[in-house]
Amino acid sequence: TGHPVISIPTGFDKRGRPTSMTFVG
């Protein structure tokens, strides 16, 4: 659909790898 999004860090998983969430506009 062409909508904008931003992905931002939310912490880390059990293996120390980053996680994220997305905001859609």
mmCIF file of all heavy atoms, coordinates in Angstrom:
data_MODEL
# 
_entry.id   MODEL 
# 
loop_
_atom_site.group_PDB 
_atom_site.id 
_atom_site.type_symbol 
_atom_site.label_atom_id 
_atom_site.label_alt_id 
_atom_site.label_comp_id 
_atom_site.label_asym_id 
_atom_site.label_entity_id 
_atom_site.label_seq_id 
_atom_site.pdbx_PDB_ins_code 
_atom_site.Cartn_x 
_atom_site.Cartn_y 
_atom_site.Cartn_z 
_atom_site.occupancy 
_atom_site.B_iso_or_equiv 
_atom_site.pdbx_formal_charge 
_atom_site.auth_seq_id 
_atom_site.auth_comp_id 
_atom_site.auth_asym_id 
_atom_site.auth_atom_id 
_atom_site.pdbx_PDB_model_num 
ATOM 1   N N   . THR A 1 1  ? 0.804  -1.222  0.000  1.00 0.00 ? 1  THR A N   1 
ATOM 2   C CA  . THR A 1 1  ? 0.000  0.000   0.000  1.00 0.00 ? 1  THR A CA  1 
ATOM 3   C C   . THR A 1 1  ? 0.836  1.270   0.000  1.00 0.00 ? 1  THR A C   1 
ATOM 4   O O   . THR A 1 1  ? 0.312  2.345   -0.293 1.00 0.00 ? 1  THR A O   1 
ATOM 5   C CB  . THR A 1 1  ? -0.932 0.028   1.227  1.00 0.00 ? 1  THR A CB  1 
ATOM 6   O OG1 . THR A 1 1  ? -0.134 0.005   2.426  1.00 0.00 ? 1  THR A OG1 1 
ATOM 7   C CG2 . THR A 1 1  ? -1.884 -1.163  1.219  1.00 0.00 ? 1  THR A CG2 1 
ATOM 8   N N   . GLY A 1 2  ? 2.111  1.156   0.337  1.00 0.00 ? 2  GLY A N   1 
ATOM 9   C CA  . GLY A 1 2  ? 2.999  2.317   0.304  1.00 0.00 ? 2  GLY A CA  1 
ATOM 10  C C   . GLY A 1 2  ? 3.045  3.123   1.576  1.00 0.00 ? 2  GLY A C   1 
ATOM 11  O O   . GLY A 1 2  ? 3.595  4.231   1.597  1.00 0.00 ? 2  GLY A O   1 
ATOM 12  N N   . HIS A 1 3  ? 2.500  2.613   2.695  1.00 0.00 ? 3  HIS A N   1 
ATOM 13  C CA  . HIS A 1 3  ? 2.487  3.364   3.952  1.00 0.00 ? 3  HIS A CA  1 
ATOM 14  C C   . HIS A 1 3  ? 3.877  3.410   4.589  1.00 0.00 ? 3  HIS A C   1 
ATOM 15  O O   . HIS A 1 3  ? 4.648  2.451   4.482  1.00 0.00 ? 3  HIS A O   1 
ATOM 16  C CB  . HIS A 1 3  ? 1.489  2.750   4.929  1.00 0.00 ? 3  HIS A CB  1 
ATOM 17  C CG  . HIS A 1 3  ? 0.063  3.048   4.589  1.00 0.00 ? 3  HIS A CG  1 
ATOM 18  N ND1 . HIS A 1 3  ? -0.616 2.381   3.590  1.00 0.00 ? 3  HIS A ND1 1 
ATOM 19  C CD2 . HIS A 1 3  ? -0.804 3.963   5.087  1.00 0.00 ? 3  HIS A CD2 1 
ATOM 20  C CE1 . HIS A 1 3  ? -1.849 2.861   3.505  1.00 0.00 ? 3  HIS A CE1 1 
ATOM 21  N NE2 . HIS A 1 3  ? -1.986 3.826   4.400  1.00 0.00 ? 3  HIS A NE2 1 
ATOM 22  N N   . PRO A 1 4  ? 4.182  4.494   5.305  1.00 0.00 ? 4  PRO A N   1 
ATOM 23  C CA  . PRO A 1 4  ? 5.488  4.605   5.958  1.00 0.00 ? 4  PRO A CA  1 
ATOM 24  C C   . PRO A 1 4  ? 5.520  3.838   7.271  1.00 0.00 ? 4  PRO A C   1 
ATOM 25  O O   . PRO A 1 4  ? 4.501  3.717   7.964  1.00 0.00 ? 4  PRO A O   1 
ATOM 26  C CB  . PRO A 1 4  ? 5.611  6.110   6.217  1.00 0.00 ? 4  PRO A CB  1 
ATOM 27  C CG  . PRO A 1 4  ? 4.193  6.567   6.436  1.00 0.00 ? 4  PRO A CG  1 
ATOM 28  C CD  . PRO A 1 4  ? 3.370  5.717   5.488  1.00 0.00 ? 4  PRO A CD  1 
ATOM 29  N N   . VAL A 1 5  ? 6.688  3.316   7.627  1.00 0.00 ? 5  VAL A N   1 
ATOM 30  C CA  . VAL A 1 5  ? 6.876  2.648   8.919  1.00 0.00 ? 5  VAL A CA  1 
ATOM 31  C C   . VAL A 1 5  ? 8.245  3.002   9.473  1.00 0.00 ? 5  VAL A C   1 
ATOM 32  O O   . VAL A 1 5  ? 9.166  3.368   8.733  1.00 0.00 ? 5  VAL A O   1 
ATOM 33  C CB  . VAL A 1 5  ? 6.762  1.106   8.821  1.00 0.00 ? 5  VAL A CB  1 
ATOM 34  C CG1 . VAL A 1 5  ? 5.468  0.680   8.149  1.00 0.00 ? 5  VAL A CG1 1 
ATOM 35  C CG2 . VAL A 1 5  ? 7.963  0.499   8.103  1.00 0.00 ? 5  VAL A CG2 1 
ATOM 36  N N   . ILE A 1 6  ? 8.367  2.875   10.795 1.00 0.00 ? 6  ILE A N   1 
ATOM 37  C CA  . ILE A 1 6  ? 9.673  2.989   11.435 1.00 0.00 ? 6  ILE A CA  1 
ATOM 38  C C   . ILE A 1 6  ? 9.852  1.817   12.374 1.00 0.00 ? 6  ILE A C   1 
ATOM 39  O O   . ILE A 1 6  ? 8.933  1.443   13.114 1.00 0.00 ? 6  ILE A O   1 
ATOM 40  C CB  . ILE A 1 6  ? 9.846  4.335   12.181 1.00 0.00 ? 6  ILE A CB  1 
ATOM 41  C CG1 . ILE A 1 6  ? 11.293 4.505   12.667 1.00 0.00 ? 6  ILE A CG1 1 
ATOM 42  C CG2 . ILE A 1 6  ? 8.848  4.487   13.333 1.00 0.00 ? 6  ILE A CG2 1 
ATOM 43  C CD1 . ILE A 1 6  ? 11.626 5.912   13.139 1.00 0.00 ? 6  ILE A CD1 1 
ATOM 44  N N   . SER A 1 7  ? 11.005 1.175   12.302 1.00 0.00 ? 7  SER A N   1 
ATOM 45  C CA  . SER A 1 7  ? 11.349 0.051   13.167 1.00 0.00 ? 7  SER A CA  1 
ATOM 46  C C   . SER A 1 7  ? 12.322 0.541   14.220 1.00 0.00 ? 7  SER A C   1 
ATOM 47  O O   . SER A 1 7  ? 13.352 1.146   13.876 1.00 0.00 ? 7  SER A O   1 
ATOM 48  C CB  . SER A 1 7  ? 11.977 -1.077  12.336 1.00 0.00 ? 7  SER A CB  1 
ATOM 49  O OG  . SER A 1 7  ? 12.506 -2.089  13.173 1.00 0.00 ? 7  SER A OG  1 
ATOM 50  N N   . ILE A 1 8  ? 11.992 0.314   15.507 1.00 0.00 ? 8  ILE A N   1 
ATOM 51  C CA  . ILE A 1 8  ? 12.852 0.794   16.593 1.00 0.00 ? 8  ILE A CA  1 
ATOM 52  C C   . ILE A 1 8  ? 13.196 -0.340  17.541 1.00 0.00 ? 8  ILE A C   1 
ATOM 53  O O   . ILE A 1 8  ? 12.401 -1.253  17.756 1.00 0.00 ? 8  ILE A O   1 
ATOM 54  C CB  . ILE A 1 8  ? 12.182 1.956   17.370 1.00 0.00 ? 8  ILE A CB  1 
ATOM 55  C CG1 . ILE A 1 8  ? 10.845 1.507   17.961 1.00 0.00 ? 8  ILE A CG1 1 
ATOM 56  C CG2 . ILE A 1 8  ? 12.004 3.166   16.472 1.00 0.00 ? 8  ILE A CG2 1 
ATOM 57  C CD1 . ILE A 1 8  ? 10.204 2.554   18.860 1.00 0.00 ? 8  ILE A CD1 1 
ATOM 58  N N   . PRO A 1 9  ? 14.386 -0.298  18.163 1.00 0.00 ? 9  PRO A N   1 
ATOM 59  C CA  . PRO A 1 9  ? 14.800 -1.365  19.075 1.00 0.00 ? 9  PRO A CA  1 
ATOM 60  C C   . PRO A 1 9  ? 13.947 -1.407  20.346 1.00 0.00 ? 9  PRO A C   1 
ATOM 61  O O   . PRO A 1 9  ? 13.535 -0.360  20.873 1.00 0.00 ? 9  PRO A O   1 
ATOM 62  C CB  . PRO A 1 9  ? 16.248 -1.005  19.410 1.00 0.00 ? 9  PRO A CB  1 
ATOM 63  C CG  . PRO A 1 9  ? 16.693 -0.057  18.342 1.00 0.00 ? 9  PRO A CG  1 
ATOM 64  C CD  . PRO A 1 9  ? 15.461 0.687   17.934 1.00 0.00 ? 9  PRO A CD  1 
ATOM 65  N N   . THR A 1 10 ? 13.701 -2.627  20.841 1.00 0.00 ? 10 THR A N   1 
ATOM 66  C CA  . THR A 1 10 ? 12.926 -2.820  22.071 1.00 0.00 ? 10 THR A CA  1 
ATOM 67  C C   . THR A 1 10 ? 13.665 -3.655  23.104 1.00 0.00 ? 10 THR A C   1 
ATOM 68  O O   . THR A 1 10 ? 13.079 -4.041  24.121 1.00 0.00 ? 10 THR A O   1 
ATOM 69  C CB  . THR A 1 10 ? 11.584 -3.514  21.754 1.00 0.00 ? 10 THR A CB  1 
ATOM 70  O OG1 . THR A 1 10 ? 11.860 -4.736  21.054 1.00 0.00 ? 10 THR A OG1 1 
ATOM 71  C CG2 . THR A 1 10 ? 10.683 -2.626  20.920 1.00 0.00 ? 10 THR A CG2 1 
ATOM 72  N N   . GLY A 1 11 ? 14.910 -3.969  22.867 1.00 0.00 ? 11 GLY A N   1 
ATOM 73  C CA  . GLY A 1 11 ? 15.662 -4.789  23.804 1.00 0.00 ? 11 GLY A CA  1 
ATOM 74  C C   . GLY A 1 11 ? 16.350 -5.943  23.109 1.00 0.00 ? 11 GLY A C   1 
ATOM 75  O O   . GLY A 1 11 ? 16.722 -5.835  21.933 1.00 0.00 ? 11 GLY A O   1 
ATOM 76  N N   . PHE A 1 12 ? 16.481 -7.063  23.834 1.00 0.00 ? 12 PHE A N   1 
ATOM 77  C CA  . PHE A 1 12 ? 17.253 -8.189  23.323 1.00 0.00 ? 12 PHE A CA  1 
ATOM 78  C C   . PHE A 1 12 ? 16.562 -9.508  23.674 1.00 0.00 ? 12 PHE A C   1 
ATOM 79  O O   . PHE A 1 12 ? 15.805 -9.592  24.646 1.00 0.00 ? 12 PHE A O   1 
ATOM 80  C CB  . PHE A 1 12 ? 18.665 -8.176  23.921 1.00 0.00 ? 12 PHE A CB  1 
ATOM 81  C CG  . PHE A 1 12 ? 19.419 -6.912  23.619 1.00 0.00 ? 12 PHE A CG  1 
ATOM 82  C CD1 . PHE A 1 12 ? 19.311 -5.805  24.457 1.00 0.00 ? 12 PHE A CD1 1 
ATOM 83  C CD2 . PHE A 1 12 ? 20.204 -6.812  22.489 1.00 0.00 ? 12 PHE A CD2 1 
ATOM 84  C CE1 . PHE A 1 12 ? 19.981 -4.625  24.174 1.00 0.00 ? 12 PHE A CE1 1 
ATOM 85  C CE2 . PHE A 1 12 ? 20.884 -5.638  22.193 1.00 0.00 ? 12 PHE A CE2 1 
ATOM 86  C CZ  . PHE A 1 12 ? 20.772 -4.539  23.040 1.00 0.00 ? 12 PHE A CZ  1 
ATOM 87  N N   . ASP A 1 13 ? 16.833 -10.522 22.859 1.00 0.00 ? 13 ASP A N   1 
ATOM 88  C CA  . ASP A 1 13 ? 16.297 -11.843 23.165 1.00 0.00 ? 13 ASP A CA  1 
ATOM 89  C C   . ASP A 1 13 ? 17.258 -12.585 24.096 1.00 0.00 ? 13 ASP A C   1 
ATOM 90  O O   . ASP A 1 13 ? 18.261 -12.019 24.556 1.00 0.00 ? 13 ASP A O   1 
ATOM 91  C CB  . ASP A 1 13 ? 16.009 -12.630 21.887 1.00 0.00 ? 13 ASP A CB  1 
ATOM 92  C CG  . ASP A 1 13 ? 17.262 -12.950 21.075 1.00 0.00 ? 13 ASP A CG  1 
ATOM 93  O OD1 . ASP A 1 13 ? 18.395 -12.854 21.620 1.00 0.00 ? 13 ASP A OD1 1 
ATOM 94  O OD2 . ASP A 1 13 ? 17.127 -13.315 19.889 1.00 0.00 ? 13 ASP A OD2 1 
ATOM 95  N N   . LYS A 1 14 ? 16.962 -13.825 24.378 1.00 0.00 ? 14 LYS A N   1 
ATOM 96  C CA  . LYS A 1 14 ? 17.767 -14.594 25.342 1.00 0.00 ? 14 LYS A CA  1 
ATOM 97  C C   . LYS A 1 14 ? 19.201 -14.782 24.882 1.00 0.00 ? 14 LYS A C   1 
ATOM 98  O O   . LYS A 1 14 ? 20.095 -15.024 25.698 1.00 0.00 ? 14 LYS A O   1 
ATOM 99  C CB  . LYS A 1 14 ? 17.116 -15.965 25.582 1.00 0.00 ? 14 LYS A CB  1 
ATOM 100 C CG  . LYS A 1 14 ? 15.779 -15.903 26.317 1.00 0.00 ? 14 LYS A CG  1 
ATOM 101 C CD  . LYS A 1 14 ? 15.255 -17.312 26.585 1.00 0.00 ? 14 LYS A CD  1 
ATOM 102 C CE  . LYS A 1 14 ? 13.916 -17.286 27.309 1.00 0.00 ? 14 LYS A CE  1 
ATOM 103 N NZ  . LYS A 1 14 ? 12.840 -16.732 26.450 1.00 0.00 ? 14 LYS A NZ  1 
ATOM 104 N N   . ARG A 1 15 ? 19.427 -14.691 23.564 1.00 0.00 ? 15 ARG A N   1 
ATOM 105 C CA  . ARG A 1 15 ? 20.781 -14.857 23.036 1.00 0.00 ? 15 ARG A CA  1 
ATOM 106 C C   . ARG A 1 15 ? 21.516 -13.532 22.865 1.00 0.00 ? 15 ARG A C   1 
ATOM 107 O O   . ARG A 1 15 ? 22.604 -13.480 22.295 1.00 0.00 ? 15 ARG A O   1 
ATOM 108 C CB  . ARG A 1 15 ? 20.722 -15.599 21.696 1.00 0.00 ? 15 ARG A CB  1 
ATOM 109 C CG  . ARG A 1 15 ? 20.293 -17.051 21.827 1.00 0.00 ? 15 ARG A CG  1 
ATOM 110 C CD  . ARG A 1 15 ? 20.118 -17.736 20.488 1.00 0.00 ? 15 ARG A CD  1 
ATOM 111 N NE  . ARG A 1 15 ? 18.938 -17.233 19.781 1.00 0.00 ? 15 ARG A NE  1 
ATOM 112 C CZ  . ARG A 1 15 ? 18.501 -17.710 18.624 1.00 0.00 ? 15 ARG A CZ  1 
ATOM 113 N NH1 . ARG A 1 15 ? 19.169 -18.702 18.042 1.00 0.00 ? 15 ARG A NH1 1 
ATOM 114 N NH2 . ARG A 1 15 ? 17.425 -17.231 18.054 1.00 0.00 ? 15 ARG A NH2 1 
ATOM 115 N N   . GLY A 1 16 ? 20.903 -12.453 23.338 1.00 0.00 ? 16 GLY A N   1 
ATOM 116 C CA  . GLY A 1 16 ? 21.541 -11.144 23.256 1.00 0.00 ? 16 GLY A CA  1 
ATOM 117 C C   . GLY A 1 16 ? 21.409 -10.476 21.906 1.00 0.00 ? 16 GLY A C   1 
ATOM 118 O O   . GLY A 1 16 ? 22.150 -9.547  21.591 1.00 0.00 ? 16 GLY A O   1 
ATOM 119 N N   . ARG A 1 17 ? 20.456 -10.948 21.101 1.00 0.00 ? 17 ARG A N   1 
ATOM 120 C CA  . ARG A 1 17 ? 20.227 -10.352 19.785 1.00 0.00 ? 17 ARG A CA  1 
ATOM 121 C C   . ARG A 1 17 ? 19.097 -9.322  19.865 1.00 0.00 ? 17 ARG A C   1 
ATOM 122 O O   . ARG A 1 17 ? 18.106 -9.548  20.572 1.00 0.00 ? 17 ARG A O   1 
ATOM 123 C CB  . ARG A 1 17 ? 19.870 -11.429 18.772 1.00 0.00 ? 17 ARG A CB  1 
ATOM 124 C CG  . ARG A 1 17 ? 20.989 -12.436 18.514 1.00 0.00 ? 17 ARG A CG  1 
ATOM 125 C CD  . ARG A 1 17 ? 20.477 -13.623 17.717 1.00 0.00 ? 17 ARG A CD  1 
ATOM 126 N NE  . ARG A 1 17 ? 21.542 -14.551 17.342 1.00 0.00 ? 17 ARG A NE  1 
ATOM 127 C CZ  . ARG A 1 17 ? 21.337 -15.700 16.714 1.00 0.00 ? 17 ARG A CZ  1 
ATOM 128 N NH1 . ARG A 1 17 ? 20.098 -16.074 16.404 1.00 0.00 ? 17 ARG A NH1 1 
ATOM 129 N NH2 . ARG A 1 17 ? 22.357 -16.479 16.404 1.00 0.00 ? 17 ARG A NH2 1 
ATOM 130 N N   . PRO A 1 18 ? 19.212 -8.211  19.134 1.00 0.00 ? 18 PRO A N   1 
ATOM 131 C CA  . PRO A 1 18 ? 18.217 -7.142  19.245 1.00 0.00 ? 18 PRO A CA  1 
ATOM 132 C C   . PRO A 1 18 ? 16.825 -7.560  18.774 1.00 0.00 ? 18 PRO A C   1 
ATOM 133 O O   . PRO A 1 18 ? 16.661 -8.423  17.905 1.00 0.00 ? 18 PRO A O   1 
ATOM 134 C CB  . PRO A 1 18 ? 18.786 -6.047  18.334 1.00 0.00 ? 18 PRO A CB  1 
ATOM 135 C CG  . PRO A 1 18 ? 20.247 -6.313  18.257 1.00 0.00 ? 18 PRO A CG  1 
ATOM 136 C CD  . PRO A 1 18 ? 20.361 -7.815  18.302 1.00 0.00 ? 18 PRO A CD  1 
ATOM 137 N N   . THR A 1 19 ? 15.812 -6.927  19.371 1.00 0.00 ? 19 THR A N   1 
ATOM 138 C CA  . THR A 1 19 ? 14.418 -7.085  18.960 1.00 0.00 ? 19 THR A CA  1 
ATOM 139 C C   . THR A 1 19 ? 13.860 -5.699  18.619 1.00 0.00 ? 19 THR A C   1 
ATOM 140 O O   . THR A 1 19 ? 14.494 -4.680  18.892 1.00 0.00 ? 19 THR A O   1 
ATOM 141 C CB  . THR A 1 19 ? 13.572 -7.721  20.077 1.00 0.00 ? 19 THR A CB  1 
ATOM 142 O OG1 . THR A 1 19 ? 13.622 -6.878  21.246 1.00 0.00 ? 19 THR A OG1 1 
ATOM 143 C CG2 . THR A 1 19 ? 14.095 -9.110  20.430 1.00 0.00 ? 19 THR A CG2 1 
ATOM 144 N N   . SER A 1 20 ? 12.668 -5.677  18.026 1.00 0.00 ? 20 SER A N   1 
ATOM 145 C CA  . SER A 1 20 ? 12.123 -4.385  17.601 1.00 0.00 ? 20 SER A CA  1 
ATOM 146 C C   . SER A 1 20 ? 10.603 -4.383  17.623 1.00 0.00 ? 20 SER A C   1 
ATOM 147 O O   . SER A 1 20 ? 9.968  -5.433  17.774 1.00 0.00 ? 20 SER A O   1 
ATOM 148 C CB  . SER A 1 20 ? 12.579 -4.054  16.172 1.00 0.00 ? 20 SER A CB  1 
ATOM 149 O OG  . SER A 1 20 ? 11.856 -4.844  15.226 1.00 0.00 ? 20 SER A OG  1 
ATOM 150 N N   . MET A 1 21 ? 10.031 -3.203  17.472 1.00 0.00 ? 21 MET A N   1 
ATOM 151 C CA  . MET A 1 21 ? 8.622  -3.055  17.131 1.00 0.00 ? 21 MET A CA  1 
ATOM 152 C C   . MET A 1 21 ? 8.522  -2.014  16.028 1.00 0.00 ? 21 MET A C   1 
ATOM 153 O O   . MET A 1 21 ? 9.471  -1.254  15.771 1.00 0.00 ? 21 MET A O   1 
ATOM 154 C CB  . MET A 1 21 ? 7.768  -2.657  18.339 1.00 0.00 ? 21 MET A CB  1 
ATOM 155 C CG  . MET A 1 21 ? 8.060  -1.306  18.941 1.00 0.00 ? 21 MET A CG  1 
ATOM 156 S SD  . MET A 1 21 ? 6.931  -1.002  20.343 1.00 0.00 ? 21 MET A SD  1 
ATOM 157 C CE  . MET A 1 21 ? 7.757  0.404   21.130 1.00 0.00 ? 21 MET A CE  1 
ATOM 158 N N   . THR A 1 22 ? 7.371  -1.982  15.376 1.00 0.00 ? 22 THR A N   1 
ATOM 159 C CA  . THR A 1 22 ? 7.173  -1.101  14.225 1.00 0.00 ? 22 THR A CA  1 
ATOM 160 C C   . THR A 1 22 ? 6.001  -0.161  14.469 1.00 0.00 ? 22 THR A C   1 
ATOM 161 O O   . THR A 1 22 ? 4.964  -0.570  14.994 1.00 0.00 ? 22 THR A O   1 
ATOM 162 C CB  . THR A 1 22 ? 6.924  -1.943  12.959 1.00 0.00 ? 22 THR A CB  1 
ATOM 163 O OG1 . THR A 1 22 ? 8.139  -2.599  12.583 1.00 0.00 ? 22 THR A OG1 1 
ATOM 164 C CG2 . THR A 1 22 ? 6.463  -1.072  11.796 1.00 0.00 ? 22 THR A CG2 1 
ATOM 165 N N   . PHE A 1 23 ? 6.193  1.104   14.092 1.00 0.00 ? 23 PHE A N   1 
ATOM 166 C CA  . PHE A 1 23 ? 5.104  2.070   14.066 1.00 0.00 ? 23 PHE A CA  1 
ATOM 167 C C   . PHE A 1 23 ? 4.750  2.336   12.605 1.00 0.00 ? 23 PHE A C   1 
ATOM 168 O O   . PHE A 1 23 ? 5.634  2.628   11.788 1.00 0.00 ? 23 PHE A O   1 
ATOM 169 C CB  . PHE A 1 23 ? 5.507  3.386   14.728 1.00 0.00 ? 23 PHE A CB  1 
ATOM 170 C CG  . PHE A 1 23 ? 5.834  3.287   16.198 1.00 0.00 ? 23 PHE A CG  1 
ATOM 171 C CD1 . PHE A 1 23 ? 6.619  4.252   16.810 1.00 0.00 ? 23 PHE A CD1 1 
ATOM 172 C CD2 . PHE A 1 23 ? 5.358  2.230   16.975 1.00 0.00 ? 23 PHE A CD2 1 
ATOM 173 C CE1 . PHE A 1 23 ? 6.923  4.175   18.157 1.00 0.00 ? 23 PHE A CE1 1 
ATOM 174 C CE2 . PHE A 1 23 ? 5.664  2.137   18.322 1.00 0.00 ? 23 PHE A CE2 1 
ATOM 175 C CZ  . PHE A 1 23 ? 6.454  3.113   18.927 1.00 0.00 ? 23 PHE A CZ  1 
ATOM 176 N N   . VAL A 1 24 ? 3.460  2.230   12.286 1.00 0.00 ? 24 VAL A N   1 
ATOM 177 C CA  . VAL A 1 24 ? 2.972  2.463   10.933 1.00 0.00 ? 24 VAL A CA  1 
ATOM 178 C C   . VAL A 1 24 ? 2.229  3.799   10.915 1.00 0.00 ? 24 VAL A C   1 
ATOM 179 O O   . VAL A 1 24 ? 1.469  4.102   11.842 1.00 0.00 ? 24 VAL A O   1 
ATOM 180 C CB  . VAL A 1 24 ? 2.016  1.342   10.475 1.00 0.00 ? 24 VAL A CB  1 
ATOM 181 C CG1 . VAL A 1 24 ? 1.591  1.554   9.022  1.00 0.00 ? 24 VAL A CG1 1 
ATOM 182 C CG2 . VAL A 1 24 ? 2.667  -0.025  10.668 1.00 0.00 ? 24 VAL A CG2 1 
ATOM 183 N N   . GLY A 1 25 ? 2.436  4.582   9.858  1.00 0.00 ? 25 GLY A N   1 
ATOM 184 C CA  . GLY A 1 25 ? 1.753  5.867   9.736  1.00 0.00 ? 25 GLY A CA  1 
ATOM 185 C C   . GLY A 1 25 ? 0.894  5.933   8.494  1.00 0.00 ? 25 GLY A C   1 
ATOM 186 O O   . GLY A 1 25 ? 0.935  5.052   7.630  1.00 0.00 ? 25 GLY A O   1 
# 
